[in-house]
Amino acid sequence: MASATISTRPCPCAAPYLLAGLAVGRLAPDSPGVADGPRVGGASLAVLTKAASWTLLYPAGGPDRIVGSPALERRLSTSLGGTTSTTSWWWLAVSGPHSGTPLDLLHTIGTAVAILGPCLLVARRAAPVLQPLIAAGSMTLTLYSSHVVALGAAGDGAYRPALLTIHIAAALAFALVLQCPSAPRCATE
């Protein structure tokens, strides 16, 4: 059976981000104090998950129980490549970058939501200037999918800085063109 993946990331790891985005998107951005909830809640979630990971790993002896992992400390602090090792259940206590563990997902969701709070405040005050980013933010799945297809088509030269600049400019222009004809705020600008 083929595994469902987006690039090299398993789809089940992407689902919590989608659900968190939907939950934050349901907030009323014009309500007073709406930016405080995500900022405080997200930061709290990020700190609590790192603390939980540390508590499970070090005082509880997690690294001693993780079997078959060379350079364990390096792997805990850098990247696990988006997949969780299966040599021990203790790997689920890791919150290292790109580990794909529940604690890693909760930490990065908390960090992202904490950043969204101040971004909501800035976006409310600077909406006309930020219109290209707002348009792109309203169609992230479309733009991400297009980006992945374009990277695949680029082949070996996919990671050149010039290509990144072209992708960003194309994404912003594409989003503006698609969103502005039907958006009332674009007609008045």
N, C-alpha and C. Protein backbone atom coordinates (compact mmCIF):
# COMPACT_ATOMS: atom_id res chain seq x y z
N MET A 1 0.85 -1.17 0.00
CA MET A 1 0.00 0.00 0.00
C MET A 1 0.90 1.24 0.00
N ALA A 2 0.63 2.17 -0.86
CA ALA A 2 1.42 3.40 -0.95
C ALA A 2 1.08 4.32 0.21
N SER A 3 2.10 4.99 0.73
CA SER A 3 1.84 5.92 1.83
C SER A 3 1.42 7.27 1.27
N ALA A 4 0.55 7.94 1.99
CA ALA A 4 0.09 9.27 1.58
C ALA A 4 1.09 10.30 2.08
N THR A 5 1.74 10.98 1.17
CA THR A 5 2.73 11.97 1.58
C THR A 5 2.57 13.28 0.82
N ILE A 6 3.00 14.35 1.45
CA ILE A 6 3.15 15.65 0.81
C ILE A 6 4.64 15.89 0.83
N SER A 7 5.27 15.88 -0.31
CA SER A 7 6.73 15.97 -0.38
C SER A 7 7.26 14.78 0.43
N THR A 8 8.04 15.03 1.48
CA THR A 8 8.52 13.92 2.30
C THR A 8 7.80 13.87 3.65
N ARG A 9 6.79 14.70 3.84
CA ARG A 9 6.06 14.76 5.10
C ARG A 9 4.80 13.90 5.03
N PRO A 10 4.58 13.04 6.01
CA PRO A 10 3.34 12.26 6.03
C PRO A 10 2.12 13.16 6.22
N CYS A 11 1.04 12.85 5.54
CA CYS A 11 -0.19 13.63 5.65
C CYS A 11 -0.72 13.74 7.07
N PRO A 12 -0.65 12.67 7.88
CA PRO A 12 -1.16 12.81 9.25
C PRO A 12 -0.46 13.92 10.04
N CYS A 13 0.77 14.24 9.68
CA CYS A 13 1.47 15.34 10.36
C CYS A 13 0.95 16.70 9.90
N ALA A 14 0.39 16.78 8.71
CA ALA A 14 -0.12 18.05 8.19
C ALA A 14 -1.52 18.35 8.72
N ALA A 15 -2.28 17.34 9.06
CA ALA A 15 -3.66 17.53 9.50
C ALA A 15 -3.80 18.41 10.74
N PRO A 16 -2.97 18.25 11.78
CA PRO A 16 -3.13 19.13 12.94
C PRO A 16 -2.91 20.61 12.61
N TYR A 17 -2.00 20.89 11.67
CA TYR A 17 -1.78 22.28 11.27
C TYR A 17 -3.02 22.83 10.56
N LEU A 18 -3.61 22.02 9.72
CA LEU A 18 -4.83 22.41 9.02
C LEU A 18 -5.95 22.70 10.01
N LEU A 19 -6.13 21.81 10.97
CA LEU A 19 -7.19 22.00 11.97
C LEU A 19 -6.93 23.21 12.86
N ALA A 20 -5.69 23.43 13.25
CA ALA A 20 -5.36 24.61 14.06
C ALA A 20 -5.62 25.88 13.25
N GLY A 21 -5.25 25.87 11.98
CA GLY A 21 -5.51 27.02 11.12
C GLY A 21 -6.99 27.30 10.98
N LEU A 22 -7.78 26.26 10.84
CA LEU A 22 -9.23 26.44 10.76
C LEU A 22 -9.79 27.03 12.05
N ALA A 23 -9.29 26.55 13.18
CA ALA A 23 -9.76 27.06 14.47
C ALA A 23 -9.41 28.53 14.64
N VAL A 24 -8.18 28.91 14.32
CA VAL A 24 -7.77 30.32 14.44
C VAL A 24 -8.53 31.16 13.43
N GLY A 25 -8.77 30.62 12.25
CA GLY A 25 -9.50 31.34 11.22
C GLY A 25 -10.94 31.65 11.61
N ARG A 26 -11.48 30.90 12.56
CA ARG A 26 -12.86 31.14 13.01
C ARG A 26 -12.95 32.29 14.00
N LEU A 27 -11.80 32.77 14.48
CA LEU A 27 -11.82 33.90 15.40
C LEU A 27 -12.28 35.16 14.66
N ALA A 28 -12.92 36.05 15.36
CA ALA A 28 -13.34 37.32 14.77
C ALA A 28 -12.18 38.31 14.89
N PRO A 29 -11.45 38.59 13.79
CA PRO A 29 -10.26 39.41 13.90
C PRO A 29 -10.51 40.85 14.33
N ASP A 30 -11.75 41.32 14.22
CA ASP A 30 -12.05 42.70 14.62
C ASP A 30 -12.45 42.83 16.09
N SER A 31 -12.61 41.71 16.77
CA SER A 31 -12.98 41.76 18.17
C SER A 31 -11.81 42.24 19.01
N PRO A 32 -12.08 43.10 20.01
CA PRO A 32 -10.99 43.53 20.88
C PRO A 32 -10.43 42.34 21.66
N GLY A 33 -9.15 42.30 21.75
CA GLY A 33 -8.51 41.24 22.53
C GLY A 33 -8.37 39.94 21.80
N VAL A 34 -8.81 39.85 20.54
CA VAL A 34 -8.73 38.57 19.84
C VAL A 34 -7.27 38.18 19.59
N ALA A 35 -6.38 39.13 19.48
CA ALA A 35 -4.97 38.81 19.26
C ALA A 35 -4.32 38.27 20.53
N ASP A 36 -4.85 38.62 21.70
CA ASP A 36 -4.25 38.16 22.95
C ASP A 36 -4.43 36.65 23.16
N GLY A 37 -5.58 36.13 22.78
CA GLY A 37 -5.84 34.70 22.97
C GLY A 37 -4.84 33.83 22.24
N PRO A 38 -4.70 34.01 20.92
CA PRO A 38 -3.70 33.19 20.22
C PRO A 38 -2.27 33.43 20.70
N ARG A 39 -1.95 34.69 21.01
CA ARG A 39 -0.58 35.00 21.44
C ARG A 39 -0.26 34.28 22.75
N VAL A 40 -1.11 34.42 23.74
CA VAL A 40 -0.88 33.81 25.05
C VAL A 40 -1.07 32.29 24.99
N GLY A 41 -2.15 31.85 24.35
CA GLY A 41 -2.41 30.42 24.26
C GLY A 41 -1.34 29.68 23.48
N GLY A 42 -0.93 30.25 22.34
CA GLY A 42 0.10 29.62 21.53
C GLY A 42 1.44 29.56 22.24
N ALA A 43 1.82 30.67 22.87
CA ALA A 43 3.10 30.69 23.60
C ALA A 43 3.07 29.69 24.76
N SER A 44 1.95 29.61 25.45
CA SER A 44 1.82 28.65 26.56
C SER A 44 1.95 27.22 26.06
N LEU A 45 1.28 26.92 24.95
CA LEU A 45 1.35 25.57 24.38
C LEU A 45 2.78 25.23 23.97
N ALA A 46 3.47 26.18 23.35
CA ALA A 46 4.85 25.94 22.91
C ALA A 46 5.77 25.67 24.10
N VAL A 47 5.65 26.47 25.14
CA VAL A 47 6.50 26.29 26.33
C VAL A 47 6.16 24.99 27.05
N LEU A 48 4.87 24.70 27.21
CA LEU A 48 4.47 23.48 27.91
C LEU A 48 4.93 22.21 27.19
N THR A 49 4.88 22.21 25.87
CA THR A 49 5.30 21.00 25.16
C THR A 49 6.81 20.79 25.26
N LYS A 50 7.58 21.87 25.22
CA LYS A 50 9.03 21.73 25.40
C LYS A 50 9.34 21.24 26.82
N ALA A 51 8.62 21.78 27.80
CA ALA A 51 8.82 21.35 29.19
C ALA A 51 8.43 19.88 29.37
N ALA A 52 7.33 19.48 28.74
CA ALA A 52 6.90 18.08 28.84
C ALA A 52 7.93 17.16 28.20
N SER A 53 8.45 17.55 27.05
CA SER A 53 9.46 16.74 26.39
C SER A 53 10.71 16.60 27.26
N TRP A 54 11.18 17.72 27.77
CA TRP A 54 12.38 17.69 28.62
C TRP A 54 12.14 16.80 29.85
N THR A 55 10.97 16.95 30.48
CA THR A 55 10.65 16.17 31.68
C THR A 55 10.60 14.68 31.37
N LEU A 56 9.99 14.33 30.25
CA LEU A 56 9.92 12.92 29.89
C LEU A 56 11.28 12.35 29.50
N LEU A 57 12.08 13.17 28.84
CA LEU A 57 13.35 12.65 28.35
C LEU A 57 14.43 12.58 29.41
N TYR A 58 14.58 13.62 30.21
CA TYR A 58 15.76 13.66 31.08
C TYR A 58 15.48 13.15 32.49
N PRO A 59 14.59 13.74 33.28
CA PRO A 59 14.36 13.16 34.61
C PRO A 59 13.81 11.73 34.55
N ALA A 60 13.01 11.43 33.53
CA ALA A 60 12.43 10.08 33.43
C ALA A 60 13.35 9.10 32.73
N GLY A 61 14.50 9.56 32.23
CA GLY A 61 15.48 8.66 31.63
C GLY A 61 15.17 8.23 30.20
N GLY A 62 14.48 9.04 29.45
CA GLY A 62 14.14 8.70 28.07
C GLY A 62 15.31 8.37 27.17
N PRO A 63 16.38 9.18 27.15
CA PRO A 63 17.50 8.85 26.26
C PRO A 63 18.13 7.49 26.55
N ASP A 64 18.11 7.08 27.82
CA ASP A 64 18.66 5.77 28.16
C ASP A 64 17.80 4.64 27.58
N ARG A 65 16.54 4.94 27.33
CA ARG A 65 15.62 3.92 26.84
C ARG A 65 15.50 3.91 25.31
N ILE A 66 16.00 4.98 24.67
CA ILE A 66 15.95 5.03 23.20
C ILE A 66 17.12 4.19 22.68
N VAL A 67 16.77 3.13 22.00
CA VAL A 67 17.76 2.14 21.58
C VAL A 67 18.12 2.34 20.10
N GLY A 68 19.36 2.11 19.77
CA GLY A 68 19.77 2.08 18.37
C GLY A 68 19.85 3.43 17.69
N SER A 69 20.22 4.47 18.41
CA SER A 69 20.30 5.78 17.80
C SER A 69 21.69 6.37 17.97
N PRO A 70 22.49 6.35 16.91
CA PRO A 70 23.79 7.00 17.00
C PRO A 70 23.62 8.51 17.07
N ALA A 71 24.52 9.16 17.76
CA ALA A 71 24.51 10.62 17.90
C ALA A 71 23.15 11.11 18.41
N LEU A 72 22.72 10.51 19.51
CA LEU A 72 21.39 10.80 20.04
C LEU A 72 21.17 12.28 20.34
N GLU A 73 22.12 12.92 21.02
CA GLU A 73 21.95 14.33 21.39
C GLU A 73 21.79 15.21 20.14
N ARG A 74 22.57 14.94 19.10
CA ARG A 74 22.47 15.71 17.87
C ARG A 74 21.08 15.54 17.25
N ARG A 75 20.59 14.33 17.24
CA ARG A 75 19.28 14.07 16.64
C ARG A 75 18.16 14.70 17.45
N LEU A 76 18.32 14.78 18.77
CA LEU A 76 17.28 15.39 19.60
C LEU A 76 17.23 16.90 19.41
N SER A 77 18.35 17.52 19.06
CA SER A 77 18.38 18.98 18.96
C SER A 77 18.35 19.50 17.52
N THR A 78 18.49 18.64 16.54
CA THR A 78 18.46 19.13 15.16
C THR A 78 17.22 18.63 14.46
N SER A 79 17.34 17.71 13.55
CA SER A 79 16.19 17.29 12.77
C SER A 79 16.14 15.78 12.63
N LEU A 80 14.94 15.27 12.67
CA LEU A 80 14.74 13.84 12.45
C LEU A 80 14.18 13.58 11.06
N GLY A 81 14.16 14.60 10.22
CA GLY A 81 13.74 14.41 8.83
C GLY A 81 12.25 14.25 8.63
N GLY A 82 11.43 14.61 9.61
CA GLY A 82 9.99 14.57 9.44
C GLY A 82 9.33 13.26 9.80
N THR A 83 10.10 12.28 10.16
CA THR A 83 9.52 11.00 10.55
C THR A 83 10.04 10.59 11.91
N THR A 84 9.21 9.92 12.66
CA THR A 84 9.57 9.49 14.00
C THR A 84 10.21 8.12 13.94
N SER A 85 11.32 7.97 14.64
CA SER A 85 11.99 6.68 14.70
C SER A 85 11.08 5.67 15.39
N THR A 86 11.21 4.43 15.00
CA THR A 86 10.35 3.38 15.57
C THR A 86 11.12 2.40 16.45
N THR A 87 12.34 2.77 16.85
CA THR A 87 13.12 1.84 17.67
C THR A 87 12.67 1.80 19.12
N SER A 88 11.91 2.82 19.56
CA SER A 88 11.44 2.86 20.94
C SER A 88 10.24 3.80 21.04
N TRP A 89 9.32 3.47 21.96
CA TRP A 89 8.19 4.36 22.22
C TRP A 89 8.66 5.70 22.76
N TRP A 90 9.84 5.74 23.36
CA TRP A 90 10.36 6.97 23.95
C TRP A 90 10.59 8.06 22.91
N TRP A 91 10.70 7.70 21.64
CA TRP A 91 10.85 8.72 20.60
C TRP A 91 9.65 9.66 20.57
N LEU A 92 8.50 9.20 21.04
CA LEU A 92 7.30 10.06 21.06
C LEU A 92 7.43 11.20 22.07
N ALA A 93 8.39 11.11 22.97
CA ALA A 93 8.62 12.18 23.94
C ALA A 93 9.52 13.28 23.38
N VAL A 94 10.09 13.06 22.22
CA VAL A 94 10.99 14.04 21.60
C VAL A 94 10.16 15.18 21.01
N SER A 95 10.64 16.41 21.19
CA SER A 95 9.98 17.54 20.53
C SER A 95 10.98 18.25 19.63
N GLY A 96 11.99 17.52 19.17
CA GLY A 96 13.01 18.11 18.30
C GLY A 96 12.42 18.53 16.97
N PRO A 97 13.12 19.45 16.29
CA PRO A 97 12.61 19.96 15.01
C PRO A 97 12.39 18.83 13.99
N HIS A 98 11.28 18.89 13.32
CA HIS A 98 10.93 17.96 12.24
C HIS A 98 10.93 16.51 12.68
N SER A 99 10.58 16.27 13.93
CA SER A 99 10.53 14.88 14.39
C SER A 99 9.19 14.24 14.07
N GLY A 100 8.16 15.04 13.86
CA GLY A 100 6.85 14.48 13.54
C GLY A 100 6.14 13.87 14.73
N THR A 101 6.67 14.07 15.94
CA THR A 101 6.03 13.52 17.13
C THR A 101 4.89 14.45 17.57
N PRO A 102 3.98 13.93 18.39
CA PRO A 102 2.90 14.81 18.87
C PRO A 102 3.43 16.06 19.58
N LEU A 103 4.49 15.92 20.38
CA LEU A 103 5.03 17.09 21.08
C LEU A 103 5.67 18.09 20.12
N ASP A 104 6.30 17.61 19.07
CA ASP A 104 6.86 18.50 18.05
C ASP A 104 5.73 19.25 17.34
N LEU A 105 4.68 18.53 16.96
CA LEU A 105 3.55 19.17 16.27
C LEU A 105 2.89 20.20 17.17
N LEU A 106 2.67 19.86 18.43
CA LEU A 106 2.05 20.82 19.36
C LEU A 106 2.94 22.04 19.59
N HIS A 107 4.25 21.82 19.67
CA HIS A 107 5.17 22.94 19.87
C HIS A 107 5.14 23.89 18.67
N THR A 108 5.21 23.35 17.47
CA THR A 108 5.23 24.22 16.29
C THR A 108 3.87 24.86 16.05
N ILE A 109 2.80 24.18 16.37
CA ILE A 109 1.46 24.81 16.28
C ILE A 109 1.37 25.95 17.28
N GLY A 110 1.83 25.72 18.50
CA GLY A 110 1.81 26.78 19.52
C GLY A 110 2.63 27.98 19.10
N THR A 111 3.80 27.74 18.55
CA THR A 111 4.66 28.83 18.09
C THR A 111 3.97 29.61 16.97
N ALA A 112 3.40 28.89 16.02
CA ALA A 112 2.73 29.56 14.89
C ALA A 112 1.53 30.38 15.36
N VAL A 113 0.74 29.81 16.25
CA VAL A 113 -0.44 30.53 16.75
C VAL A 113 -0.02 31.74 17.58
N ALA A 114 1.08 31.62 18.34
CA ALA A 114 1.57 32.77 19.12
C ALA A 114 1.98 33.91 18.20
N ILE A 115 2.55 33.59 17.07
CA ILE A 115 2.96 34.61 16.11
C ILE A 115 1.74 35.21 15.40
N LEU A 116 0.70 34.43 15.24
CA LEU A 116 -0.50 34.93 14.58
C LEU A 116 -1.17 36.07 15.34
N GLY A 117 -1.09 36.05 16.67
CA GLY A 117 -1.71 37.11 17.47
C GLY A 117 -1.21 38.49 17.08
N PRO A 118 0.09 38.75 17.17
CA PRO A 118 0.60 40.06 16.73
C PRO A 118 0.37 40.32 15.24
N CYS A 119 0.41 39.27 14.42
CA CYS A 119 0.16 39.47 12.99
C CYS A 119 -1.26 39.95 12.74
N LEU A 120 -2.23 39.48 13.52
CA LEU A 120 -3.60 39.96 13.38
C LEU A 120 -3.69 41.45 13.68
N LEU A 121 -2.95 41.89 14.70
CA LEU A 121 -2.95 43.32 15.02
C LEU A 121 -2.35 44.15 13.90
N VAL A 122 -1.22 43.70 13.37
CA VAL A 122 -0.56 44.43 12.28
C VAL A 122 -1.44 44.43 11.03
N ALA A 123 -2.03 43.28 10.72
CA ALA A 123 -2.85 43.17 9.51
C ALA A 123 -4.07 44.08 9.58
N ARG A 124 -4.62 44.25 10.76
CA ARG A 124 -5.79 45.10 10.90
C ARG A 124 -5.45 46.55 10.59
N ARG A 125 -4.26 46.97 10.98
CA ARG A 125 -3.87 48.37 10.78
C ARG A 125 -3.25 48.64 9.42
N ALA A 126 -2.65 47.63 8.81
CA ALA A 126 -1.91 47.84 7.57
C ALA A 126 -2.47 47.03 6.41
N ALA A 127 -3.76 46.73 6.41
CA ALA A 127 -4.37 45.87 5.39
C ALA A 127 -4.10 46.32 3.96
N PRO A 128 -4.22 47.61 3.61
CA PRO A 128 -3.98 47.98 2.21
C PRO A 128 -2.56 47.67 1.74
N VAL A 129 -1.59 47.90 2.60
CA VAL A 129 -0.20 47.65 2.24
C VAL A 129 0.08 46.15 2.16
N LEU A 130 -0.59 45.39 2.99
CA LEU A 130 -0.35 43.95 3.06
C LEU A 130 -1.26 43.13 2.13
N GLN A 131 -1.99 43.78 1.25
CA GLN A 131 -2.95 43.09 0.40
C GLN A 131 -2.36 41.89 -0.36
N PRO A 132 -1.15 42.00 -0.93
CA PRO A 132 -0.60 40.81 -1.61
C PRO A 132 -0.41 39.62 -0.65
N LEU A 133 0.04 39.87 0.57
CA LEU A 133 0.22 38.79 1.53
C LEU A 133 -1.12 38.25 2.01
N ILE A 134 -2.09 39.13 2.19
CA ILE A 134 -3.43 38.70 2.61
C ILE A 134 -4.04 37.81 1.53
N ALA A 135 -3.89 38.22 0.28
CA ALA A 135 -4.42 37.42 -0.82
C ALA A 135 -3.74 36.05 -0.85
N ALA A 136 -2.42 36.02 -0.71
CA ALA A 136 -1.70 34.74 -0.72
C ALA A 136 -2.09 33.89 0.48
N GLY A 137 -2.30 34.51 1.62
CA GLY A 137 -2.68 33.77 2.82
C GLY A 137 -4.06 33.14 2.73
N SER A 138 -4.89 33.66 1.84
CA SER A 138 -6.24 33.10 1.70
C SER A 138 -6.26 31.87 0.80
N MET A 139 -5.13 31.55 0.19
CA MET A 139 -5.09 30.38 -0.70
C MET A 139 -3.78 29.61 -0.55
N THR A 140 -3.42 29.34 0.69
CA THR A 140 -2.14 28.70 0.95
C THR A 140 -2.02 27.29 0.36
N LEU A 141 -3.08 26.51 0.42
CA LEU A 141 -3.00 25.15 -0.11
C LEU A 141 -2.77 25.18 -1.62
N THR A 142 -3.48 26.06 -2.31
CA THR A 142 -3.29 26.20 -3.76
C THR A 142 -1.87 26.62 -4.09
N LEU A 143 -1.37 27.61 -3.36
CA LEU A 143 -0.02 28.10 -3.63
C LEU A 143 1.04 27.07 -3.27
N TYR A 144 0.85 26.38 -2.15
CA TYR A 144 1.81 25.35 -1.74
C TYR A 144 1.83 24.21 -2.77
N SER A 145 0.66 23.78 -3.19
CA SER A 145 0.59 22.70 -4.19
C SER A 145 1.26 23.11 -5.49
N SER A 146 1.01 24.34 -5.92
CA SER A 146 1.64 24.85 -7.14
C SER A 146 3.16 24.91 -6.98
N HIS A 147 3.60 25.31 -5.81
CA HIS A 147 5.04 25.39 -5.52
C HIS A 147 5.69 24.01 -5.60
N VAL A 148 5.04 23.00 -5.02
CA VAL A 148 5.58 21.64 -5.04
C VAL A 148 5.66 21.12 -6.47
N VAL A 149 4.62 21.38 -7.28
CA VAL A 149 4.64 20.95 -8.68
C VAL A 149 5.76 21.67 -9.44
N ALA A 150 5.91 22.97 -9.20
CA ALA A 150 6.95 23.74 -9.89
C ALA A 150 8.34 23.26 -9.48
N LEU A 151 8.53 22.92 -8.20
CA LEU A 151 9.83 22.39 -7.76
C LEU A 151 10.13 21.06 -8.44
N GLY A 152 9.11 20.23 -8.56
CA GLY A 152 9.30 18.96 -9.24
C GLY A 152 9.67 19.15 -10.70
N ALA A 153 9.06 20.13 -11.34
CA ALA A 153 9.36 20.41 -12.75
C ALA A 153 10.75 21.01 -12.92
N ALA A 154 11.25 21.71 -11.89
CA ALA A 154 12.56 22.36 -11.99
C ALA A 154 13.71 21.36 -11.91
N GLY A 155 13.46 20.20 -11.37
CA GLY A 155 14.49 19.16 -11.30
C GLY A 155 15.65 19.54 -10.40
N ASP A 156 16.86 19.33 -10.89
CA ASP A 156 18.06 19.55 -10.09
C ASP A 156 18.28 21.00 -9.69
N GLY A 157 17.79 21.93 -10.46
CA GLY A 157 18.01 23.34 -10.16
C GLY A 157 16.94 23.93 -9.26
N ALA A 158 16.21 23.08 -8.54
CA ALA A 158 15.05 23.54 -7.77
C ALA A 158 15.41 24.41 -6.57
N TYR A 159 16.63 24.37 -6.12
CA TYR A 159 16.95 25.09 -4.88
C TYR A 159 17.86 26.30 -5.11
N ARG A 160 17.71 26.94 -6.24
CA ARG A 160 18.46 28.16 -6.52
C ARG A 160 17.73 29.35 -5.93
N PRO A 161 18.45 30.32 -5.36
CA PRO A 161 17.81 31.52 -4.79
C PRO A 161 16.97 32.29 -5.82
N ALA A 162 17.43 32.35 -7.06
CA ALA A 162 16.66 33.08 -8.09
C ALA A 162 15.30 32.42 -8.31
N LEU A 163 15.26 31.10 -8.28
CA LEU A 163 13.99 30.40 -8.46
C LEU A 163 13.05 30.67 -7.29
N LEU A 164 13.59 30.75 -6.09
CA LEU A 164 12.77 31.09 -4.92
C LEU A 164 12.13 32.46 -5.10
N THR A 165 12.90 33.43 -5.55
CA THR A 165 12.38 34.78 -5.78
C THR A 165 11.27 34.76 -6.83
N ILE A 166 11.47 34.00 -7.88
CA ILE A 166 10.45 33.89 -8.92
C ILE A 166 9.18 33.24 -8.36
N HIS A 167 9.33 32.20 -7.55
CA HIS A 167 8.16 31.53 -6.96
C HIS A 167 7.38 32.47 -6.05
N ILE A 168 8.09 33.23 -5.24
CA ILE A 168 7.42 34.16 -4.33
C ILE A 168 6.68 35.23 -5.11
N ALA A 169 7.33 35.83 -6.09
CA ALA A 169 6.70 36.88 -6.90
C ALA A 169 5.49 36.33 -7.65
N ALA A 170 5.63 35.13 -8.23
CA ALA A 170 4.52 34.53 -8.97
C ALA A 170 3.35 34.20 -8.04
N ALA A 171 3.66 33.70 -6.85
CA ALA A 171 2.59 33.37 -5.90
C ALA A 171 1.81 34.61 -5.48
N LEU A 172 2.52 35.69 -5.18
CA LEU A 172 1.85 36.93 -4.76
C LEU A 172 1.02 37.50 -5.90
N ALA A 173 1.57 37.51 -7.11
CA ALA A 173 0.83 38.04 -8.26
C ALA A 173 -0.39 37.18 -8.57
N PHE A 174 -0.21 35.87 -8.56
CA PHE A 174 -1.31 34.93 -8.83
C PHE A 174 -2.43 35.12 -7.81
N ALA A 175 -2.06 35.24 -6.53
CA ALA A 175 -3.07 35.41 -5.48
C ALA A 175 -3.83 36.72 -5.64
N LEU A 176 -3.11 37.79 -5.96
CA LEU A 176 -3.78 39.08 -6.17
C LEU A 176 -4.73 39.04 -7.34
N VAL A 177 -4.31 38.46 -8.43
CA VAL A 177 -5.16 38.40 -9.62
C VAL A 177 -6.40 37.57 -9.34
N LEU A 178 -6.25 36.44 -8.66
CA LEU A 178 -7.41 35.59 -8.39
C LEU A 178 -8.35 36.20 -7.37
N GLN A 179 -7.82 36.89 -6.38
CA GLN A 179 -8.68 37.36 -5.30
C GLN A 179 -9.29 38.73 -5.56
N CYS A 180 -8.57 39.64 -6.16
CA CYS A 180 -9.04 41.02 -6.25
C CYS A 180 -10.28 41.26 -7.10
N PRO A 181 -10.48 40.58 -8.23
CA PRO A 181 -11.68 40.90 -9.00
C PRO A 181 -12.99 40.68 -8.23
N SER A 182 -13.00 39.73 -7.30
CA SER A 182 -14.24 39.45 -6.58
C SER A 182 -14.26 40.05 -5.18
N ALA A 183 -13.14 40.57 -4.71
CA ALA A 183 -13.09 41.07 -3.34
C ALA A 183 -13.47 42.55 -3.31
N PRO A 184 -14.45 42.92 -2.48
CA PRO A 184 -14.89 44.32 -2.42
C PRO A 184 -13.78 45.27 -2.00
N ARG A 185 -12.86 44.81 -1.14
CA ARG A 185 -11.82 45.71 -0.66
C ARG A 185 -10.85 46.08 -1.78
N CYS A 186 -10.69 45.21 -2.79
CA CYS A 186 -9.78 45.51 -3.89
C CYS A 186 -10.39 46.51 -4.86
N ALA A 187 -11.72 46.50 -4.98
CA ALA A 187 -12.38 47.39 -5.92
C ALA A 187 -12.27 48.84 -5.48
N THR A 188 -12.12 49.08 -4.18
CA THR A 188 -12.04 50.46 -3.70
C THR A 188 -10.63 50.99 -3.67
N GLU A 189 -9.64 50.13 -3.87
CA GLU A 189 -8.25 50.56 -3.80
C GLU A 189 -7.75 51.05 -5.14
